[in-house]
Amino acid sequence: MLDSISPTTVWLIVGIALALAEMALPGLIIGFFSLGAIITTLTTWAGLTNSFAVQMIVFLATSIVFLTFFHSIWKKRIKPGTKGDTTDFNLQLGKIVPVTEFIDPGEGVGKVRYQGALWNARSETKIAPGESARIKGCDNLTLIVEPVDKGE
């Protein structure tokens, strides 16, 4: 059965499988090998690479070239955790929220109501339920808050 599958088809399947793997496991590495497999598909289809050894050389060489020259460019464009990320949470810093469960630095986390949902909250000072807190930041899914003066 494998004898009836052309090398062009095999390289195309490898290229598609690697592209799907990059989408499932994004890391900007596997995609460059997918491009190498697609280039190998095209060269095999055009009749430029007939032997498996030459196909492997084309695959590895093009993959390494793409990886070497374009990986750093993509990494510079995509910087996770910077102010330009898509969470929009930075826009909510300074927002005042009600405290619903006692926040005690020694006890761990309490709760605040933020955008209609209860969130874990942590503070360096004690804040009682019914008081207000200001959002200073976020640590994973825990809001970092500070007490709000009663005059604010």
Foldseek 3Di string as FASTA:
>chain_A
DVVPDDPLNVLLVQLVVLVVVCVVVPDLQSNLLSVQSNVLSVCVVVVNDDDPVVSVVSSVVSSVVCCVPPVVVVCVVDPPPDPPDDPCVVVQAFPKWFFAFKEDQVVAWGWTADPNDIFTEHEPHIDHGPFIWTFHQDDVRYTYTHGDPPVD
